N, C-alpha and C. Protein backbone atom coordinates (compact mmCIF):
# COMPACT_ATOMS: atom_id res chain seq x y z
N MET A 1 24.99 59.72 16.30
CA MET A 1 26.24 60.34 16.69
C MET A 1 25.93 61.42 17.71
N ALA A 2 25.73 61.02 18.91
CA ALA A 2 25.27 61.93 19.96
C ALA A 2 26.34 62.92 20.37
N LEU A 3 26.15 64.17 19.98
CA LEU A 3 26.99 65.29 20.39
C LEU A 3 28.47 65.12 20.04
N VAL A 4 28.81 64.26 19.12
CA VAL A 4 30.18 64.13 18.65
C VAL A 4 30.18 64.62 17.20
N THR A 5 31.05 65.57 16.91
CA THR A 5 31.07 66.14 15.56
C THR A 5 31.91 65.30 14.61
N THR A 6 31.68 65.51 13.33
CA THR A 6 32.49 64.80 12.33
C THR A 6 33.96 65.20 12.49
N ALA A 7 34.22 66.45 12.85
CA ALA A 7 35.60 66.89 13.07
C ALA A 7 36.24 66.11 14.21
N GLU A 8 35.50 65.92 15.29
CA GLU A 8 36.02 65.15 16.43
C GLU A 8 36.27 63.70 16.04
N VAL A 9 35.37 63.13 15.23
CA VAL A 9 35.55 61.75 14.76
C VAL A 9 36.84 61.64 13.95
N CYS A 10 37.07 62.61 13.07
CA CYS A 10 38.30 62.60 12.27
C CYS A 10 39.54 62.73 13.15
N ASP A 11 39.49 63.66 14.11
CA ASP A 11 40.64 63.87 15.00
C ASP A 11 40.96 62.64 15.83
N ALA A 12 39.91 61.89 16.24
CA ALA A 12 40.10 60.73 17.11
C ALA A 12 40.45 59.45 16.35
N ASN A 13 40.36 59.49 15.01
CA ASN A 13 40.54 58.24 14.25
C ASN A 13 41.50 58.38 13.07
N PRO A 14 42.71 58.91 13.28
CA PRO A 14 43.63 59.07 12.15
C PRO A 14 43.99 57.73 11.49
N GLN A 15 44.04 56.66 12.29
CA GLN A 15 44.38 55.35 11.73
C GLN A 15 43.29 54.84 10.79
N LEU A 16 42.02 55.13 11.08
CA LEU A 16 40.93 54.72 10.19
C LEU A 16 40.94 55.53 8.89
N ILE A 17 41.36 56.78 8.98
CA ILE A 17 41.46 57.62 7.78
C ILE A 17 42.60 57.11 6.89
N LEU A 18 43.75 56.81 7.50
CA LEU A 18 44.89 56.30 6.73
C LEU A 18 44.58 54.97 6.05
N SER A 19 43.81 54.12 6.71
CA SER A 19 43.49 52.81 6.14
C SER A 19 42.36 52.87 5.11
N GLY A 20 41.67 54.01 5.05
CA GLY A 20 40.55 54.14 4.12
C GLY A 20 39.23 53.63 4.68
N GLU A 21 39.24 53.20 5.93
CA GLU A 21 38.00 52.73 6.56
C GLU A 21 37.07 53.88 6.90
N LEU A 22 37.63 55.09 7.03
CA LEU A 22 36.86 56.30 7.30
C LEU A 22 37.23 57.32 6.23
N ARG A 23 36.22 57.77 5.48
CA ARG A 23 36.45 58.69 4.38
C ARG A 23 35.52 59.90 4.50
N ALA A 24 36.01 61.05 4.07
CA ALA A 24 35.20 62.27 4.05
C ALA A 24 34.83 62.59 2.61
N LEU A 25 33.56 62.91 2.39
CA LEU A 25 33.14 63.34 1.06
C LEU A 25 33.64 64.75 0.80
N LYS A 26 33.96 65.05 -0.46
CA LYS A 26 34.32 66.41 -0.81
C LYS A 26 33.16 67.33 -0.46
N PRO A 27 33.44 68.56 -0.05
CA PRO A 27 32.37 69.48 0.40
C PRO A 27 31.62 70.13 -0.76
N ILE A 28 30.80 69.33 -1.44
CA ILE A 28 30.07 69.83 -2.61
C ILE A 28 28.57 69.92 -2.37
N PHE A 29 28.10 69.47 -1.19
CA PHE A 29 26.66 69.37 -0.95
C PHE A 29 26.12 70.56 -0.17
N GLN A 30 24.89 70.96 -0.54
CA GLN A 30 24.14 71.97 0.20
C GLN A 30 23.32 71.25 1.28
N ILE A 31 23.05 71.93 2.37
CA ILE A 31 22.32 71.35 3.50
C ILE A 31 20.85 71.75 3.41
N TYR A 32 19.97 70.74 3.47
CA TYR A 32 18.53 70.96 3.45
C TYR A 32 17.89 70.13 4.58
N GLY A 33 16.65 70.43 4.87
CA GLY A 33 15.93 69.71 5.92
C GLY A 33 16.27 70.25 7.29
N ARG A 34 15.42 69.94 8.27
CA ARG A 34 15.61 70.46 9.62
C ARG A 34 16.66 69.69 10.41
N ARG A 35 16.94 68.46 10.03
CA ARG A 35 17.89 67.64 10.78
C ARG A 35 19.28 67.83 10.18
N GLN A 36 20.07 68.69 10.80
CA GLN A 36 21.40 68.97 10.26
C GLN A 36 22.43 67.92 10.66
N VAL A 37 22.15 67.19 11.72
CA VAL A 37 23.05 66.12 12.17
C VAL A 37 22.28 64.80 12.07
N PHE A 38 22.85 63.85 11.32
CA PHE A 38 22.20 62.55 11.20
C PHE A 38 23.23 61.49 10.85
N SER A 39 22.87 60.25 11.07
CA SER A 39 23.75 59.13 10.75
C SER A 39 22.91 57.88 10.59
N GLY A 40 23.50 56.87 9.96
CA GLY A 40 22.81 55.60 9.81
C GLY A 40 23.47 54.72 8.77
N PRO A 41 23.00 53.48 8.69
CA PRO A 41 23.51 52.58 7.66
C PRO A 41 23.04 53.04 6.28
N ILE A 42 23.90 52.83 5.30
CA ILE A 42 23.68 53.34 3.95
C ILE A 42 22.96 52.33 3.06
N VAL A 43 22.03 52.86 2.27
CA VAL A 43 21.42 52.13 1.16
C VAL A 43 21.81 52.92 -0.09
N THR A 44 22.39 52.24 -1.09
CA THR A 44 22.84 52.95 -2.29
C THR A 44 21.89 52.75 -3.46
N LEU A 45 21.87 53.78 -4.31
CA LEU A 45 21.03 53.78 -5.49
C LEU A 45 21.73 54.60 -6.57
N LYS A 46 21.73 54.08 -7.79
CA LYS A 46 22.34 54.79 -8.92
C LYS A 46 21.27 55.01 -9.98
N VAL A 47 21.00 56.29 -10.28
CA VAL A 47 19.99 56.67 -11.27
C VAL A 47 20.53 57.84 -12.08
N PHE A 48 19.85 58.16 -13.19
CA PHE A 48 20.22 59.37 -13.93
C PHE A 48 18.96 60.05 -14.45
N GLU A 49 18.68 61.21 -13.87
CA GLU A 49 17.54 62.03 -14.26
C GLU A 49 16.22 61.25 -14.25
N ASP A 50 16.08 60.35 -13.29
CA ASP A 50 14.92 59.47 -13.15
C ASP A 50 14.71 59.25 -11.65
N ASN A 51 13.50 59.47 -11.17
CA ASN A 51 13.29 59.36 -9.72
C ASN A 51 12.36 58.23 -9.28
N VAL A 52 11.99 57.33 -10.16
CA VAL A 52 11.06 56.26 -9.79
C VAL A 52 11.63 55.39 -8.68
N LEU A 53 12.88 54.97 -8.80
CA LEU A 53 13.48 54.11 -7.78
C LEU A 53 13.72 54.86 -6.48
N VAL A 54 14.00 56.16 -6.56
CA VAL A 54 14.16 56.97 -5.35
C VAL A 54 12.86 56.95 -4.56
N ARG A 55 11.74 57.18 -5.24
CA ARG A 55 10.42 57.16 -4.58
C ARG A 55 10.13 55.79 -3.99
N GLU A 56 10.44 54.73 -4.74
CA GLU A 56 10.18 53.37 -4.26
C GLU A 56 10.91 53.10 -2.95
N PHE A 57 12.18 53.48 -2.87
CA PHE A 57 12.94 53.27 -1.64
C PHE A 57 12.31 54.02 -0.48
N LEU A 58 11.94 55.28 -0.70
CA LEU A 58 11.46 56.11 0.40
C LEU A 58 10.05 55.74 0.84
N GLU A 59 9.36 54.92 0.05
CA GLU A 59 8.06 54.38 0.46
C GLU A 59 8.22 53.24 1.45
N GLU A 60 9.43 52.66 1.54
CA GLU A 60 9.73 51.58 2.48
C GLU A 60 10.01 52.18 3.86
N LYS A 61 9.95 51.35 4.88
CA LYS A 61 10.36 51.77 6.22
C LYS A 61 11.86 52.04 6.21
N GLY A 62 12.25 53.18 6.74
CA GLY A 62 13.66 53.56 6.72
C GLY A 62 14.48 52.94 7.82
N ASN A 63 13.87 52.75 8.99
CA ASN A 63 14.57 52.18 10.13
C ASN A 63 15.90 52.87 10.42
N GLY A 64 15.92 54.21 10.29
CA GLY A 64 17.12 54.97 10.61
C GLY A 64 18.21 54.92 9.55
N ARG A 65 17.90 54.40 8.37
CA ARG A 65 18.91 54.31 7.31
C ARG A 65 19.05 55.64 6.58
N VAL A 66 20.11 55.72 5.76
CA VAL A 66 20.37 56.89 4.92
C VAL A 66 20.41 56.42 3.47
N LEU A 67 19.58 57.02 2.64
CA LEU A 67 19.59 56.71 1.21
C LEU A 67 20.62 57.60 0.54
N VAL A 68 21.60 56.97 -0.14
CA VAL A 68 22.63 57.72 -0.85
C VAL A 68 22.41 57.47 -2.34
N VAL A 69 22.04 58.54 -3.04
CA VAL A 69 21.66 58.44 -4.45
C VAL A 69 22.73 59.07 -5.33
N ASP A 70 23.31 58.26 -6.21
CA ASP A 70 24.21 58.79 -7.22
C ASP A 70 23.38 59.15 -8.43
N GLY A 71 23.09 60.42 -8.56
CA GLY A 71 22.31 60.91 -9.70
C GLY A 71 23.20 61.38 -10.84
N GLY A 72 24.45 60.91 -10.85
CA GLY A 72 25.37 61.28 -11.91
C GLY A 72 25.81 62.73 -11.88
N GLY A 73 25.47 63.43 -10.81
CA GLY A 73 25.83 64.84 -10.70
C GLY A 73 25.05 65.75 -11.63
N SER A 74 23.94 65.26 -12.15
CA SER A 74 23.16 66.04 -13.11
C SER A 74 22.57 67.29 -12.46
N LEU A 75 22.72 68.40 -13.17
CA LEU A 75 22.14 69.67 -12.73
C LEU A 75 21.02 70.10 -13.67
N ARG A 76 20.46 69.14 -14.43
CA ARG A 76 19.44 69.46 -15.44
C ARG A 76 18.01 69.25 -14.95
N CYS A 77 17.82 68.55 -13.83
CA CYS A 77 16.48 68.34 -13.28
C CYS A 77 16.63 67.86 -11.84
N ALA A 78 15.52 67.86 -11.10
CA ALA A 78 15.52 67.40 -9.71
C ALA A 78 15.10 65.94 -9.67
N ILE A 79 15.84 65.13 -8.90
CA ILE A 79 15.45 63.71 -8.76
C ILE A 79 14.83 63.43 -7.39
N LEU A 80 14.64 64.49 -6.60
CA LEU A 80 13.99 64.35 -5.31
C LEU A 80 13.17 65.61 -5.05
N GLY A 81 11.92 65.42 -4.62
CA GLY A 81 11.03 66.54 -4.32
C GLY A 81 10.42 66.42 -2.94
N GLY A 82 9.55 67.36 -2.64
CA GLY A 82 8.95 67.45 -1.31
C GLY A 82 8.14 66.25 -0.88
N ASN A 83 7.27 65.73 -1.76
CA ASN A 83 6.42 64.60 -1.36
C ASN A 83 7.21 63.37 -0.93
N PRO A 84 8.21 62.92 -1.69
CA PRO A 84 9.00 61.76 -1.23
C PRO A 84 9.76 62.05 0.05
N VAL A 85 10.20 63.29 0.26
CA VAL A 85 10.92 63.61 1.49
C VAL A 85 9.98 63.54 2.70
N VAL A 86 8.76 64.05 2.55
CA VAL A 86 7.77 63.92 3.62
C VAL A 86 7.53 62.45 3.92
N GLN A 87 7.40 61.64 2.88
CA GLN A 87 7.20 60.21 3.06
C GLN A 87 8.39 59.58 3.76
N ALA A 88 9.60 59.98 3.38
CA ALA A 88 10.81 59.46 4.03
C ALA A 88 10.83 59.81 5.51
N GLN A 89 10.48 61.05 5.82
CA GLN A 89 10.42 61.48 7.21
C GLN A 89 9.42 60.61 7.98
N ASN A 90 8.24 60.41 7.41
CA ASN A 90 7.20 59.63 8.08
C ASN A 90 7.55 58.15 8.18
N ASN A 91 8.41 57.66 7.27
CA ASN A 91 8.79 56.25 7.27
C ASN A 91 10.07 55.98 8.05
N GLY A 92 10.63 57.00 8.70
CA GLY A 92 11.76 56.78 9.60
C GLY A 92 13.14 56.74 8.96
N TRP A 93 13.29 57.36 7.81
CA TRP A 93 14.62 57.49 7.23
C TRP A 93 15.37 58.58 7.99
N ALA A 94 16.67 58.39 8.22
CA ALA A 94 17.48 59.41 8.92
C ALA A 94 17.88 60.52 7.98
N GLY A 95 18.16 60.16 6.71
CA GLY A 95 18.61 61.18 5.78
C GLY A 95 18.68 60.68 4.35
N ILE A 96 18.93 61.63 3.45
CA ILE A 96 19.04 61.35 2.02
C ILE A 96 20.17 62.21 1.47
N ILE A 97 21.10 61.59 0.77
CA ILE A 97 22.18 62.30 0.09
C ILE A 97 21.92 62.16 -1.41
N VAL A 98 21.93 63.26 -2.14
CA VAL A 98 21.63 63.23 -3.57
C VAL A 98 22.79 63.86 -4.35
N ASN A 99 23.46 63.05 -5.14
CA ASN A 99 24.47 63.58 -6.06
C ASN A 99 23.73 64.04 -7.31
N GLY A 100 23.01 65.14 -7.14
CA GLY A 100 22.13 65.71 -8.15
C GLY A 100 21.31 66.80 -7.48
N CYS A 101 20.18 67.13 -8.07
CA CYS A 101 19.36 68.24 -7.57
C CYS A 101 18.06 67.77 -6.92
N ILE A 102 17.53 68.67 -6.09
CA ILE A 102 16.23 68.49 -5.46
C ILE A 102 15.35 69.66 -5.86
N ARG A 103 14.05 69.57 -5.53
CA ARG A 103 13.16 70.71 -5.70
C ARG A 103 12.18 70.73 -4.53
N ASP A 104 11.31 71.73 -4.48
CA ASP A 104 10.41 71.92 -3.34
C ASP A 104 11.21 72.19 -2.06
N VAL A 105 12.20 73.06 -2.18
CA VAL A 105 13.14 73.32 -1.09
C VAL A 105 12.44 73.77 0.19
N ASP A 106 11.45 74.67 0.10
CA ASP A 106 10.78 75.14 1.31
C ASP A 106 10.08 73.99 2.02
N GLU A 107 9.44 73.11 1.27
CA GLU A 107 8.78 71.95 1.87
C GLU A 107 9.80 71.02 2.52
N ILE A 108 10.90 70.76 1.83
CA ILE A 108 11.95 69.89 2.37
C ILE A 108 12.56 70.50 3.63
N ASN A 109 12.78 71.80 3.62
CA ASN A 109 13.37 72.46 4.79
C ASN A 109 12.45 72.41 6.01
N GLY A 110 11.17 72.13 5.81
CA GLY A 110 10.24 71.99 6.92
C GLY A 110 10.20 70.59 7.49
N CYS A 111 10.88 69.65 6.86
CA CYS A 111 10.85 68.24 7.28
C CYS A 111 11.95 67.93 8.28
N ASP A 112 11.63 67.06 9.25
CA ASP A 112 12.60 66.63 10.25
C ASP A 112 13.38 65.44 9.70
N ILE A 113 14.24 65.72 8.74
CA ILE A 113 15.08 64.72 8.10
C ILE A 113 16.29 65.46 7.55
N GLY A 114 17.41 64.77 7.43
CA GLY A 114 18.60 65.37 6.84
C GLY A 114 18.63 65.13 5.34
N VAL A 115 18.85 66.19 4.58
CA VAL A 115 18.95 66.08 3.12
C VAL A 115 20.17 66.87 2.67
N ARG A 116 20.96 66.26 1.82
CA ARG A 116 22.09 66.95 1.17
C ARG A 116 21.94 66.76 -0.32
N ALA A 117 22.21 67.80 -1.09
CA ALA A 117 22.13 67.74 -2.54
C ALA A 117 23.07 68.78 -3.12
N LEU A 118 23.34 68.65 -4.43
CA LEU A 118 24.22 69.61 -5.09
C LEU A 118 23.57 70.98 -5.21
N GLY A 119 22.24 71.00 -5.32
CA GLY A 119 21.51 72.25 -5.46
C GLY A 119 20.05 71.96 -5.73
N SER A 120 19.33 72.99 -6.14
CA SER A 120 17.91 72.83 -6.44
C SER A 120 17.66 73.18 -7.90
N HIS A 121 16.61 72.57 -8.44
CA HIS A 121 16.23 72.79 -9.84
C HIS A 121 14.72 72.60 -9.94
N PRO A 122 14.01 73.48 -10.66
CA PRO A 122 12.55 73.38 -10.69
C PRO A 122 12.01 72.27 -11.60
N MET A 123 12.81 71.78 -12.55
CA MET A 123 12.30 70.77 -13.48
C MET A 123 12.27 69.38 -12.83
N LYS A 124 11.20 68.62 -13.14
CA LYS A 124 11.08 67.28 -12.57
C LYS A 124 11.85 66.27 -13.41
N ALA A 125 12.08 65.12 -12.80
CA ALA A 125 12.84 64.04 -13.42
C ALA A 125 11.96 63.18 -14.31
N ASN A 126 12.59 62.32 -15.09
CA ASN A 126 11.89 61.32 -15.89
C ASN A 126 11.27 60.25 -14.98
N LYS A 127 10.38 59.48 -15.52
CA LYS A 127 9.72 58.41 -14.76
C LYS A 127 9.79 57.11 -15.54
N LYS A 128 11.01 56.64 -15.80
CA LYS A 128 11.20 55.40 -16.55
C LYS A 128 11.52 54.20 -15.66
N GLY A 129 11.90 54.46 -14.42
CA GLY A 129 12.23 53.37 -13.51
C GLY A 129 13.59 52.74 -13.77
N MET A 130 14.48 53.50 -14.40
CA MET A 130 15.82 53.00 -14.71
C MET A 130 16.77 53.28 -13.55
N GLY A 131 17.66 52.33 -13.29
CA GLY A 131 18.67 52.54 -12.26
C GLY A 131 19.11 51.23 -11.66
N GLU A 132 20.04 51.33 -10.71
CA GLU A 132 20.58 50.15 -10.04
C GLU A 132 20.52 50.35 -8.54
N LYS A 133 20.04 49.31 -7.83
CA LYS A 133 19.91 49.34 -6.37
C LYS A 133 21.04 48.56 -5.73
N HIS A 134 21.47 49.02 -4.55
CA HIS A 134 22.44 48.30 -3.71
C HIS A 134 23.76 48.03 -4.42
N VAL A 135 24.23 48.98 -5.24
CA VAL A 135 25.50 48.82 -5.95
C VAL A 135 26.52 49.82 -5.40
N PRO A 136 27.81 49.51 -5.49
CA PRO A 136 28.81 50.51 -5.10
C PRO A 136 28.69 51.74 -6.01
N ILE A 137 28.80 52.91 -5.41
CA ILE A 137 28.72 54.16 -6.17
C ILE A 137 29.93 55.01 -5.85
N ASN A 138 30.21 55.97 -6.71
CA ASN A 138 31.31 56.91 -6.48
C ASN A 138 30.75 58.32 -6.55
N ILE A 139 30.75 59.01 -5.41
CA ILE A 139 30.31 60.40 -5.38
C ILE A 139 31.25 61.21 -4.51
N ALA A 140 31.41 62.47 -4.85
CA ALA A 140 32.22 63.42 -4.08
C ALA A 140 33.60 62.84 -3.77
N GLY A 141 34.18 62.16 -4.76
CA GLY A 141 35.52 61.63 -4.62
C GLY A 141 35.65 60.39 -3.77
N THR A 142 34.53 59.74 -3.45
CA THR A 142 34.56 58.60 -2.53
C THR A 142 33.70 57.45 -3.04
N ARG A 143 34.23 56.24 -2.91
CA ARG A 143 33.46 55.03 -3.20
C ARG A 143 32.62 54.71 -1.98
N ILE A 144 31.33 54.47 -2.21
CA ILE A 144 30.39 54.19 -1.12
C ILE A 144 29.67 52.90 -1.43
N CYS A 145 29.63 52.01 -0.44
CA CYS A 145 29.00 50.71 -0.62
C CYS A 145 27.77 50.58 0.28
N ASP A 146 26.80 49.84 -0.24
CA ASP A 146 25.61 49.50 0.52
C ASP A 146 26.04 48.87 1.85
N GLY A 147 25.42 49.29 2.95
CA GLY A 147 25.72 48.71 4.25
C GLY A 147 26.79 49.43 5.04
N GLU A 148 27.53 50.36 4.41
CA GLU A 148 28.47 51.17 5.17
C GLU A 148 27.67 52.17 6.00
N TRP A 149 28.35 52.98 6.79
CA TRP A 149 27.70 53.95 7.67
C TRP A 149 28.03 55.37 7.25
N LEU A 150 27.05 56.25 7.36
CA LEU A 150 27.21 57.66 7.03
C LEU A 150 26.98 58.49 8.28
N TYR A 151 27.82 59.50 8.46
CA TYR A 151 27.71 60.45 9.56
C TYR A 151 27.77 61.85 8.96
N ALA A 152 26.76 62.66 9.21
CA ALA A 152 26.71 64.00 8.63
C ALA A 152 26.41 65.05 9.70
N ASP A 153 27.07 66.19 9.57
CA ASP A 153 26.73 67.37 10.36
C ASP A 153 27.07 68.59 9.52
N THR A 154 27.09 69.75 10.11
CA THR A 154 27.30 70.97 9.32
C THR A 154 28.75 71.12 8.85
N ASP A 155 29.67 70.32 9.38
CA ASP A 155 31.06 70.34 8.91
C ASP A 155 31.27 69.47 7.68
N GLY A 156 30.47 68.43 7.54
CA GLY A 156 30.66 67.56 6.39
C GLY A 156 30.02 66.20 6.56
N ILE A 157 30.45 65.29 5.67
CA ILE A 157 29.87 63.95 5.62
C ILE A 157 31.00 62.93 5.65
N LEU A 158 30.90 61.98 6.57
CA LEU A 158 31.87 60.90 6.68
C LEU A 158 31.23 59.57 6.30
N ILE A 159 32.02 58.71 5.69
CA ILE A 159 31.60 57.35 5.36
C ILE A 159 32.54 56.41 6.11
N SER A 160 31.96 55.42 6.79
CA SER A 160 32.76 54.46 7.53
C SER A 160 32.36 53.04 7.13
N ARG A 161 33.34 52.16 7.04
CA ARG A 161 33.03 50.77 6.67
C ARG A 161 32.16 50.10 7.72
N THR A 162 32.31 50.53 8.99
CA THR A 162 31.52 49.95 10.08
C THR A 162 30.94 51.06 10.94
N GLU A 163 29.99 50.70 11.77
CA GLU A 163 29.42 51.68 12.70
C GLU A 163 30.49 52.09 13.69
N LEU A 164 30.63 53.39 13.90
CA LEU A 164 31.63 53.91 14.83
C LEU A 164 31.03 53.95 16.23
N SER A 165 31.83 53.57 17.21
CA SER A 165 31.37 53.69 18.59
C SER A 165 31.87 55.03 19.12
N VAL A 166 30.96 56.00 19.14
CA VAL A 166 31.33 57.36 19.56
C VAL A 166 30.60 57.74 20.82
């Protein structure tokens, strides 16, 4: 999304908003990482207080994708830490959205990747490998499907059914 803000996208596309093809997430996420503006096709993951599948995804080549993790909104532990974020940065992921907590904030803030999360928590997650990949998820008041597009900047996060030509 070269130099076009999420606000400008919303202003220019009222018909997509009315049809539900363009949705804004509720403003519940904190901004982490050095890349404050990012976009890409979405990969969805649903887990609860378990980060094995999160790590597995970020070990793959990202190819500019955005991992959107529904962590059930848990504030009891972190499901994403510094090491997987460094790996995601090195593997070409554009960003990571976590409906839950992260840890190693200083390390994550040094990475050239976009990260959004509800907050930070020092406790680590379980390692059972439980969760669902590539399933529709509901976070921040919005249904998000694998393969949709995410656009994020300091104003907020937009989800679009298709890639926007901006």
